[in-house]
Amino acid sequence: MPRAPWPFRSTVWRSPLRGPWLTSVFGAVLLVGIPLMILTGLLSYAAYNPGLSPNDLTPGRGLFGFYLFDWPTRPVWLYRLNQGLHVTVGIALVPILLAKLWSVIPKLFDWPPVRSVAMALERITIALLVGSVLFEFVTGILNSQVFYPWKFSFYEAHLYGAWVFIGAFVTHLALKLPTMVRSLRRRSLRAELRKGIADTEPEPPDEHGLVAERPDPPTISRRGALGLVAASSLGLLGLTAGQSIGGRLRSLALFSPRGGSYGSAPNDFPVNKTAASVGIKAEETGPNWRLALKGSSSERSISRDELMAMPQHTYDLPIACVEGWSVVATWTGVRIADLARMVGASGADAVLVESLEKGGAFAQASLSGRQIRDQQSLLALQVNGADLSMDHGFPARVIVPAAPGVHNTKWVRQMTFMESV
């Protein structure tokens, strides 16, 4: 048989730490974190109310775009918690994921790559699992940094990639869970954490080929390796969590381009898109601006002064974005339910909110009947006791409890209430 290419030779991978036990420890941690990522990801998708046009940006989603319920408006911090967990836990899992991939890298370079039909199927599953998890984590992290070095839609690709990953993850779990349980039972974690470098020995030879045939002497103990991974994970957690928790921790959110500390003025909190970046001009939001309200049988056009003369309501509500950052602000404005009544649409099932923004993916969004009727759903005119700034949506913006930030449409120009969808 010809000699295997360099990375496929078993003698290349010589760390004395690799083995089923160490791989299973990393796998056990991921078995807690990954399902949480899957759950919060699916809930984030549901929060967009994808059944309402044009909220879902994946027109060819088919069965992959199902959702089971209309997103609730209570508790008001629901989306903030969900998306904060999704992004923060995802970033904190990166060192553990990389360590898990490092621990099984000899298996990725089996030679010959395929020796049977069963092995071919297993290799395909592993390729889908590794490829999809790296795609989801890399694109997700870059999205949290508001950096898009690709031409495809992140929203669409992340949804499809998630379903590929979920399928591969469930299949892999079904195949490997018994092995993981057996491996963890063979060695005590407490005992392993007491061993230094001098006491670190390779695991017994295993049928999976993770243990090196000719291991090098250890340069770090398993305790040290586990500690390094744990410290890296906790460090990323500490440098990320503040963007959604807020308070004093916000100043530590060094990895978040939107989550750090801002000034103390009423409008000093994060924005994803400035007015200038989306082409909003001052004359469009000046004295001639009017809000168009449309119902099934009635229409109104209202100036900002007329809106200010209506009953005003004030609530402390979070604004939370898909990138993971969130803040709580005090919003004042007119209830969306009151606007619906003005055009005879008290029983509306949805409202299409359109922005002055031109051509953006979220220049318009639909809110559900539940969101319309919630007493804290506002067309906000002020924030923290001052008029909205241009960057925060002046002259008027939507703010809805527990809604994704992109559905709190800024620079609102028209609201069309629909009785059925």
Protein backbone atom coordinates (compact mmCIF):
# COMPACT_ATOMS: atom_id res chain seq x y z
CA MET A 1 0.00 0.00 0.00
CA PRO A 2 1.44 3.44 -0.89
CA ARG A 3 2.46 5.65 1.97
CA ALA A 4 -0.24 8.00 3.20
CA PRO A 5 0.16 11.75 2.53
CA TRP A 6 1.66 13.71 5.41
CA PRO A 7 -1.45 14.81 7.37
CA PHE A 8 -2.97 11.33 7.05
CA ARG A 9 -0.07 9.54 8.76
CA SER A 10 -0.89 8.31 12.26
CA THR A 11 2.60 9.29 13.45
CA VAL A 12 1.91 12.97 12.77
CA TRP A 13 -0.52 13.36 15.65
CA ARG A 14 1.55 12.64 18.77
CA SER A 15 0.03 14.56 21.67
CA PRO A 16 -0.14 12.32 24.78
CA LEU A 17 -3.31 14.10 25.91
CA ARG A 18 -5.62 12.96 23.14
CA GLY A 19 -7.98 10.13 23.84
CA PRO A 20 -11.66 9.23 24.25
CA TRP A 21 -11.84 10.60 27.79
CA LEU A 22 -10.58 14.12 27.00
CA THR A 23 -12.73 14.27 23.87
CA SER A 24 -15.75 13.18 25.94
CA VAL A 25 -15.15 15.90 28.53
CA PHE A 26 -15.23 18.58 25.86
CA GLY A 27 -18.20 16.84 24.26
CA ALA A 28 -20.13 16.81 27.53
CA VAL A 29 -19.76 20.58 27.89
CA LEU A 30 -20.85 21.11 24.29
CA LEU A 31 -23.79 18.78 24.92
CA VAL A 32 -25.08 21.44 27.35
CA GLY A 33 -24.15 24.52 25.32
CA ILE A 34 -25.06 23.42 21.79
CA PRO A 35 -28.72 22.52 22.53
CA LEU A 36 -29.05 25.91 24.25
CA MET A 37 -27.71 27.53 21.08
CA ILE A 38 -30.16 25.56 18.95
CA LEU A 39 -33.13 26.44 21.17
CA THR A 40 -32.34 30.16 21.37
CA GLY A 41 -31.65 30.23 17.62
CA LEU A 42 -35.04 28.73 16.79
CA LEU A 43 -36.72 31.10 19.24
CA SER A 44 -34.93 34.03 17.63
CA TYR A 45 -36.35 32.95 14.29
CA ALA A 46 -39.85 32.76 15.82
CA ALA A 47 -39.40 36.26 17.27
CA TYR A 48 -39.40 37.65 13.74
CA ASN A 49 -42.98 36.39 13.28
CA PRO A 50 -41.91 34.82 9.96
CA GLY A 51 -45.50 34.11 8.95
CA LEU A 52 -46.05 37.82 8.39
CA SER A 53 -44.79 39.28 5.12
CA PRO A 54 -42.15 40.70 4.64
CA ASN A 55 -40.55 39.63 7.94
CA ASP A 56 -38.90 36.43 6.71
CA LEU A 57 -36.00 37.04 4.35
CA THR A 58 -35.80 33.40 3.23
CA PRO A 59 -38.44 33.14 0.50
CA GLY A 60 -37.46 29.59 -0.47
CA ARG A 61 -37.42 28.27 3.09
CA GLY A 62 -40.16 25.64 2.60
CA LEU A 63 -40.38 23.27 5.57
CA PHE A 64 -37.25 24.81 7.06
CA GLY A 65 -39.20 27.96 7.88
CA PHE A 66 -41.87 26.49 10.11
CA TYR A 67 -42.74 28.12 13.40
CA LEU A 68 -45.13 26.98 16.09
CA PHE A 69 -46.48 30.16 17.70
CA ASP A 70 -46.84 33.91 17.46
CA TRP A 71 -44.06 35.61 19.39
CA PRO A 72 -45.33 36.99 22.74
CA THR A 73 -44.86 40.49 24.09
CA ARG A 74 -44.42 39.41 27.70
CA PRO A 75 -42.15 39.43 29.54
CA VAL A 76 -40.82 42.57 27.88
CA TRP A 77 -37.22 41.35 28.28
CA LEU A 78 -37.85 37.99 26.55
CA TYR A 79 -36.03 38.70 23.28
CA ARG A 80 -33.26 40.51 25.15
CA LEU A 81 -32.63 37.42 27.27
CA ASN A 82 -32.95 35.00 24.36
CA GLN A 83 -30.60 36.80 21.98
CA GLY A 84 -28.16 37.72 24.74
CA LEU A 85 -27.86 34.04 25.63
CA HIS A 86 -27.54 33.00 21.99
CA VAL A 87 -24.66 35.34 21.22
CA THR A 88 -22.89 35.27 24.60
CA VAL A 89 -22.98 31.49 25.01
CA GLY A 90 -21.96 31.04 21.38
CA ILE A 91 -18.84 33.17 21.83
CA ALA A 92 -17.99 31.51 25.15
CA LEU A 93 -18.20 28.07 23.51
CA VAL A 94 -15.56 28.88 20.89
CA PRO A 95 -12.52 27.67 22.92
CA ILE A 96 -14.37 24.47 23.88
CA LEU A 97 -15.39 23.84 20.28
CA LEU A 98 -11.83 24.36 19.04
CA ALA A 99 -10.48 22.10 21.78
CA LYS A 100 -12.97 19.40 20.81
CA LEU A 101 -11.92 19.64 17.15
CA TRP A 102 -8.25 19.51 18.19
CA SER A 103 -8.91 16.39 20.26
CA VAL A 104 -10.41 14.48 17.32
CA ILE A 105 -8.23 15.80 14.52
CA PRO A 106 -6.57 12.41 13.91
CA LYS A 107 -9.99 11.03 12.98
CA LEU A 108 -10.45 13.77 10.40
CA PHE A 109 -7.34 12.44 8.65
CA ASP A 110 -8.06 8.72 8.58
CA TRP A 111 -6.28 6.83 5.79
CA PRO A 112 -7.64 5.57 3.54
CA PRO A 113 -10.50 8.06 3.98
CA VAL A 114 -13.16 5.48 3.14
CA ARG A 115 -12.95 1.73 3.70
CA SER A 116 -16.64 0.75 3.66
CA VAL A 117 -20.11 2.08 2.97
CA ALA A 118 -20.74 2.52 6.72
CA MET A 119 -17.52 4.48 7.07
CA ALA A 120 -18.44 6.64 4.06
CA LEU A 121 -21.75 7.53 5.68
CA GLU A 122 -20.01 8.36 8.95
CA ARG A 123 -17.46 10.52 7.16
CA ILE A 124 -20.19 12.42 5.33
CA THR A 125 -21.95 13.05 8.66
CA ILE A 126 -18.71 14.29 10.22
CA ALA A 127 -17.98 16.54 7.24
CA LEU A 128 -21.46 18.07 7.48
CA LEU A 129 -21.12 18.47 11.25
CA VAL A 130 -17.70 20.11 11.21
CA GLY A 131 -18.43 22.23 8.15
CA SER A 132 -21.79 23.48 9.40
CA VAL A 133 -20.67 24.20 12.96
CA LEU A 134 -17.67 26.20 11.73
CA PHE A 135 -19.89 28.06 9.25
CA GLU A 136 -22.50 28.88 11.90
CA PHE A 137 -19.99 30.02 14.50
CA VAL A 138 -17.78 32.04 12.14
CA THR A 139 -20.66 33.84 10.40
CA GLY A 140 -22.50 34.33 13.70
CA ILE A 141 -19.47 35.91 15.36
CA LEU A 142 -18.78 38.15 12.37
CA ASN A 143 -22.44 39.20 12.43
CA SER A 144 -22.07 40.15 16.10
CA GLN A 145 -19.19 42.35 14.97
CA VAL A 146 -21.37 43.88 12.22
CA PHE A 147 -18.81 42.69 9.65
CA TYR A 148 -20.00 40.98 6.48
CA PRO A 149 -17.11 39.98 4.16
CA TRP A 150 -19.43 37.94 1.93
CA LYS A 151 -22.05 38.60 -0.73
CA PHE A 152 -24.76 36.22 0.48
CA SER A 153 -27.52 37.04 2.97
CA PHE A 154 -26.40 36.24 6.51
CA TYR A 155 -30.00 35.79 7.64
CA GLU A 156 -30.80 33.24 4.93
CA ALA A 157 -27.49 31.38 5.09
CA HIS A 158 -27.56 31.18 8.88
CA LEU A 159 -31.04 29.61 8.82
CA TYR A 160 -30.15 26.95 6.25
CA GLY A 161 -26.78 26.30 7.86
CA ALA A 162 -28.50 25.82 11.21
CA TRP A 163 -30.74 23.07 9.85
CA VAL A 164 -27.76 21.26 8.30
CA PHE A 165 -25.96 21.50 11.64
CA ILE A 166 -28.98 20.34 13.67
CA GLY A 167 -29.41 17.27 11.47
CA ALA A 168 -25.71 16.38 11.61
CA PHE A 169 -25.52 17.06 15.36
CA VAL A 170 -28.48 14.82 16.20
CA THR A 171 -27.09 12.02 14.01
CA HIS A 172 -23.61 12.33 15.52
CA LEU A 173 -25.04 12.39 19.03
CA ALA A 174 -27.02 9.21 18.41
CA LEU A 175 -23.87 7.47 17.16
CA LYS A 176 -21.40 8.73 19.75
CA LEU A 177 -23.35 9.21 23.00
CA PRO A 178 -22.78 5.61 24.23
CA THR A 179 -19.03 5.98 23.58
CA MET A 180 -18.94 9.29 25.45
CA VAL A 181 -20.73 7.85 28.48
CA ARG A 182 -18.41 4.83 28.63
CA SER A 183 -15.31 7.01 28.28
CA LEU A 184 -16.34 9.37 31.07
CA ARG A 185 -16.98 6.45 33.42
CA ARG A 186 -13.50 5.01 32.89
CA ARG A 187 -11.64 7.96 34.37
CA SER A 188 -12.40 10.27 37.29
CA LEU A 189 -12.45 13.98 36.50
CA ARG A 190 -11.57 14.80 40.10
CA ALA A 191 -8.57 12.46 40.02
CA GLU A 192 -7.41 13.82 36.66
CA LEU A 193 -7.52 17.38 37.96
CA ARG A 194 -5.05 16.40 40.72
CA LYS A 195 -2.40 15.22 38.25
CA GLY A 196 0.47 17.39 37.13
CA ILE A 197 2.70 16.97 34.10
CA ALA A 198 4.82 14.30 35.78
CA ASP A 199 1.75 12.11 36.34
CA THR A 200 0.24 12.65 32.89
CA GLU A 201 0.23 9.50 30.81
CA PRO A 202 -1.46 8.62 27.51
CA GLU A 203 -4.82 6.94 27.66
CA PRO A 204 -4.90 3.23 26.83
CA PRO A 205 -5.00 2.44 23.08
CA ASP A 206 -8.53 2.84 21.75
CA GLU A 207 -10.48 1.47 18.84
CA HIS A 208 -11.26 4.98 17.58
CA GLY A 209 -7.65 5.91 16.86
CA LEU A 210 -7.54 9.04 19.02
CA VAL A 211 -4.64 7.86 21.19
CA ALA A 212 -1.26 8.49 19.56
CA GLU A 213 0.71 5.43 18.47
CA ARG A 214 4.02 7.03 19.50
CA PRO A 215 3.11 9.88 21.87
CA ASP A 216 5.55 12.65 22.68
CA PRO A 217 6.37 13.46 26.33
CA PRO A 218 3.71 15.75 27.84
CA THR A 219 4.39 19.48 27.97
CA ILE A 220 1.11 20.22 29.74
CA SER A 221 -1.15 18.11 31.93
CA ARG A 222 -4.78 17.38 31.15
CA ARG A 223 -5.55 19.55 34.16
CA GLY A 224 -3.62 22.37 32.51
CA ALA A 225 -5.30 21.84 29.16
CA LEU A 226 -8.76 21.82 30.71
CA GLY A 227 -7.88 24.87 32.78
CA LEU A 228 -6.60 26.76 29.73
CA VAL A 229 -9.77 26.04 27.77
CA ALA A 230 -11.99 26.91 30.76
CA ALA A 231 -10.13 30.18 31.39
CA SER A 232 -10.38 31.15 27.73
CA SER A 233 -14.09 30.43 27.70
CA LEU A 234 -14.74 32.34 30.91
CA GLY A 235 -12.63 35.23 29.65
CA LEU A 236 -14.70 35.51 26.48
CA LEU A 237 -17.85 35.27 28.59
CA GLY A 238 -16.69 38.14 30.79
CA LEU A 239 -15.78 40.30 27.78
CA THR A 240 -19.11 39.70 26.03
CA ALA A 241 -21.91 39.36 28.59
CA GLY A 242 -21.93 43.05 29.51
CA GLN A 243 -23.39 44.04 26.15
CA SER A 244 -26.71 42.43 27.10
CA ILE A 245 -26.58 42.50 30.92
CA GLY A 246 -25.71 46.19 31.08
CA GLY A 247 -24.77 48.09 34.22
CA ARG A 248 -21.10 48.19 35.16
CA LEU A 249 -20.41 45.10 33.07
CA ARG A 250 -21.16 47.09 29.92
CA SER A 251 -17.73 48.75 30.09
CA LEU A 252 -16.14 45.28 29.88
CA ALA A 253 -17.90 44.37 26.63
CA LEU A 254 -14.71 44.89 24.64
CA PHE A 255 -15.69 42.47 21.87
CA SER A 256 -18.95 44.21 21.07
CA PRO A 257 -18.91 47.13 18.62
CA ARG A 258 -22.33 48.23 19.92
CA GLY A 259 -22.35 47.04 23.52
CA GLY A 260 -19.90 49.33 25.30
CA SER A 261 -20.40 52.42 27.41
CA TYR A 262 -21.78 55.59 25.88
CA GLY A 263 -22.41 59.09 27.20
CA SER A 264 -25.10 60.19 29.63
CA ALA A 265 -27.29 62.29 27.30
CA PRO A 266 -30.83 60.97 26.57
CA ASN A 267 -29.91 59.69 23.09
CA ASP A 268 -26.51 58.31 24.07
CA PHE A 269 -27.06 54.61 23.47
CA PRO A 270 -26.17 52.29 20.57
CA VAL A 271 -27.47 52.46 17.03
CA ASN A 272 -26.88 49.91 14.29
CA LYS A 273 -27.67 52.24 11.39
CA THR A 274 -27.28 55.99 11.42
CA ALA A 275 -29.60 58.24 9.43
CA ALA A 276 -26.74 59.20 7.11
CA SER A 277 -25.81 55.56 6.42
CA VAL A 278 -29.29 54.78 5.03
CA GLY A 279 -29.78 58.05 3.16
CA ILE A 280 -32.26 59.78 5.49
CA LYS A 281 -32.19 63.51 4.76
CA ALA A 282 -33.12 66.25 7.19
CA GLU A 283 -35.81 67.68 4.89
CA GLU A 284 -37.63 64.33 4.93
CA THR A 285 -38.01 64.48 8.70
CA GLY A 286 -38.69 68.22 8.99
CA PRO A 287 -41.96 70.16 9.42
CA ASN A 288 -43.45 68.66 6.26
CA TRP A 289 -43.19 65.09 7.57
CA ARG A 290 -46.53 63.36 8.06
CA LEU A 291 -47.44 59.88 9.19
CA ALA A 292 -49.76 58.01 6.83
CA LEU A 293 -52.23 55.69 8.58
CA LYS A 294 -54.23 53.23 6.50
CA GLY A 295 -57.03 50.89 7.50
CA SER A 296 -59.30 48.71 5.41
CA SER A 297 -61.86 51.52 5.03
CA SER A 298 -60.21 54.68 6.34
CA GLU A 299 -57.01 56.68 5.99
CA ARG A 300 -55.40 59.52 7.93
CA SER A 301 -52.37 61.74 7.56
CA ILE A 302 -50.97 63.12 10.83
CA SER A 303 -48.22 65.60 11.60
CA ARG A 304 -45.77 65.17 14.46
CA ASP A 305 -47.40 68.03 16.37
CA GLU A 306 -50.74 66.23 16.12
CA LEU A 307 -49.14 63.05 17.42
CA MET A 308 -47.62 64.99 20.32
CA ALA A 309 -51.08 66.36 21.14
CA MET A 310 -52.50 62.86 21.52
CA PRO A 311 -52.40 61.00 24.88
CA GLN A 312 -48.77 60.15 25.58
CA HIS A 313 -47.62 57.01 27.38
CA THR A 314 -44.22 56.27 28.89
CA TYR A 315 -42.63 52.86 29.50
CA ASP A 316 -39.20 51.47 30.27
CA LEU A 317 -38.52 49.00 27.47
CA PRO A 318 -35.43 47.24 26.17
CA ILE A 319 -34.23 47.46 22.62
CA ALA A 320 -32.33 44.29 21.74
CA CYS A 321 -30.59 43.46 18.48
CA VAL A 322 -29.70 40.20 16.81
CA GLU A 323 -26.00 40.96 17.34
CA GLY A 324 -26.54 40.41 21.08
CA TRP A 325 -26.40 43.94 22.49
CA SER A 326 -29.33 45.52 24.31
CA VAL A 327 -30.19 48.56 26.40
CA VAL A 328 -33.20 49.67 28.41
CA ALA A 329 -34.54 53.16 27.72
CA THR A 330 -37.59 55.20 28.74
CA TRP A 331 -39.82 55.64 25.71
CA THR A 332 -42.70 58.07 25.33
CA GLY A 333 -45.23 58.12 22.52
CA VAL A 334 -48.64 57.13 21.19
CA ARG A 335 -49.98 53.63 21.60
CA ILE A 336 -50.11 51.74 18.32
CA ALA A 337 -53.55 50.49 19.37
CA ASP A 338 -54.77 54.10 19.48
CA LEU A 339 -53.48 54.68 15.96
CA ALA A 340 -55.31 51.57 14.78
CA ARG A 341 -58.57 52.87 16.26
CA MET A 342 -58.15 56.15 14.37
CA VAL A 343 -58.58 54.31 11.06
CA GLY A 344 -61.19 51.85 12.27
CA ALA A 345 -58.75 48.95 12.59
CA SER A 346 -59.06 48.00 16.27
CA GLY A 347 -59.27 44.34 15.33
CA ALA A 348 -56.31 44.39 12.95
CA ASP A 349 -54.38 41.15 12.64
CA ALA A 350 -51.19 42.88 11.51
CA VAL A 351 -49.69 46.24 10.65
CA LEU A 352 -47.09 46.86 7.99
CA VAL A 353 -44.72 49.58 9.19
CA GLU A 354 -42.72 51.34 6.48
CA SER A 355 -39.69 53.54 6.96
CA LEU A 356 -38.20 56.49 5.15
CA GLU A 357 -35.17 54.25 4.74
CA LYS A 358 -34.71 53.27 1.12
CA GLY A 359 -33.92 49.77 -0.06
CA GLY A 360 -32.75 48.22 3.22
CA ALA A 361 -33.65 44.66 4.14
CA PHE A 362 -35.62 45.96 7.12
CA ALA A 363 -36.97 49.20 5.69
CA GLN A 364 -40.36 47.67 6.46
CA ALA A 365 -41.62 45.09 8.93
CA SER A 366 -44.95 43.67 10.04
CA LEU A 367 -46.20 43.48 13.62
CA SER A 368 -48.76 40.93 14.76
CA GLY A 369 -52.19 41.64 16.18
CA ARG A 370 -50.89 40.77 19.64
CA GLN A 371 -48.14 43.35 19.28
CA ILE A 372 -50.60 46.00 18.04
CA ARG A 373 -52.90 45.52 21.02
CA ASP A 374 -50.21 45.43 23.69
CA GLN A 375 -50.61 48.60 25.75
CA GLN A 376 -46.86 49.16 25.84
CA SER A 377 -46.44 49.03 22.04
CA LEU A 378 -45.70 52.60 21.04
CA LEU A 379 -45.00 54.83 18.13
CA ALA A 380 -42.27 56.56 20.13
CA LEU A 381 -41.65 60.28 19.78
CA GLN A 382 -39.24 60.74 22.68
CA VAL A 383 -36.66 58.72 24.57
CA ASN A 384 -35.35 59.33 28.09
CA GLY A 385 -37.33 62.57 28.26
CA ALA A 386 -35.98 64.12 25.04
CA ASP A 387 -36.99 64.08 21.40
CA LEU A 388 -35.58 61.21 19.40
CA SER A 389 -32.33 62.03 17.65
CA MET A 390 -32.10 61.51 13.90
CA ASP A 391 -30.04 58.37 14.43
CA HIS A 392 -32.65 56.94 16.80
CA GLY A 393 -35.49 57.43 14.35
CA PHE A 394 -36.75 61.02 14.54
CA PRO A 395 -39.50 62.01 13.96
CA ALA A 396 -41.09 58.71 15.08
CA ARG A 397 -40.13 55.09 15.57
CA VAL A 398 -41.77 51.89 16.72
CA ILE A 399 -40.91 50.34 20.07
CA VAL A 400 -42.61 47.03 20.93
CA PRO A 401 -42.07 44.87 24.03
CA ALA A 402 -39.91 41.76 23.44
CA ALA A 403 -39.53 42.48 19.71
CA PRO A 404 -36.24 42.14 17.79
CA GLY A 405 -34.54 45.49 17.33
CA VAL A 406 -34.94 45.43 13.55
CA HIS A 407 -38.72 45.36 13.96
CA ASN A 408 -38.65 48.53 16.04
CA THR A 409 -38.70 50.43 12.77
CA LYS A 410 -37.12 53.89 12.70
CA TRP A 411 -38.10 56.96 10.64
CA VAL A 412 -41.67 55.66 10.23
CA ARG A 413 -43.58 57.14 7.29
CA GLN A 414 -46.59 54.81 6.94
CA MET A 415 -48.54 52.21 8.91
CA THR A 416 -51.00 49.97 7.08
CA PHE A 417 -53.34 48.00 9.34
CA MET A 418 -54.69 44.75 7.91
CA GLU A 419 -57.73 42.88 9.12
CA SER A 420 -56.52 39.48 7.90
CA VAL A 421 -53.22 38.08 6.68
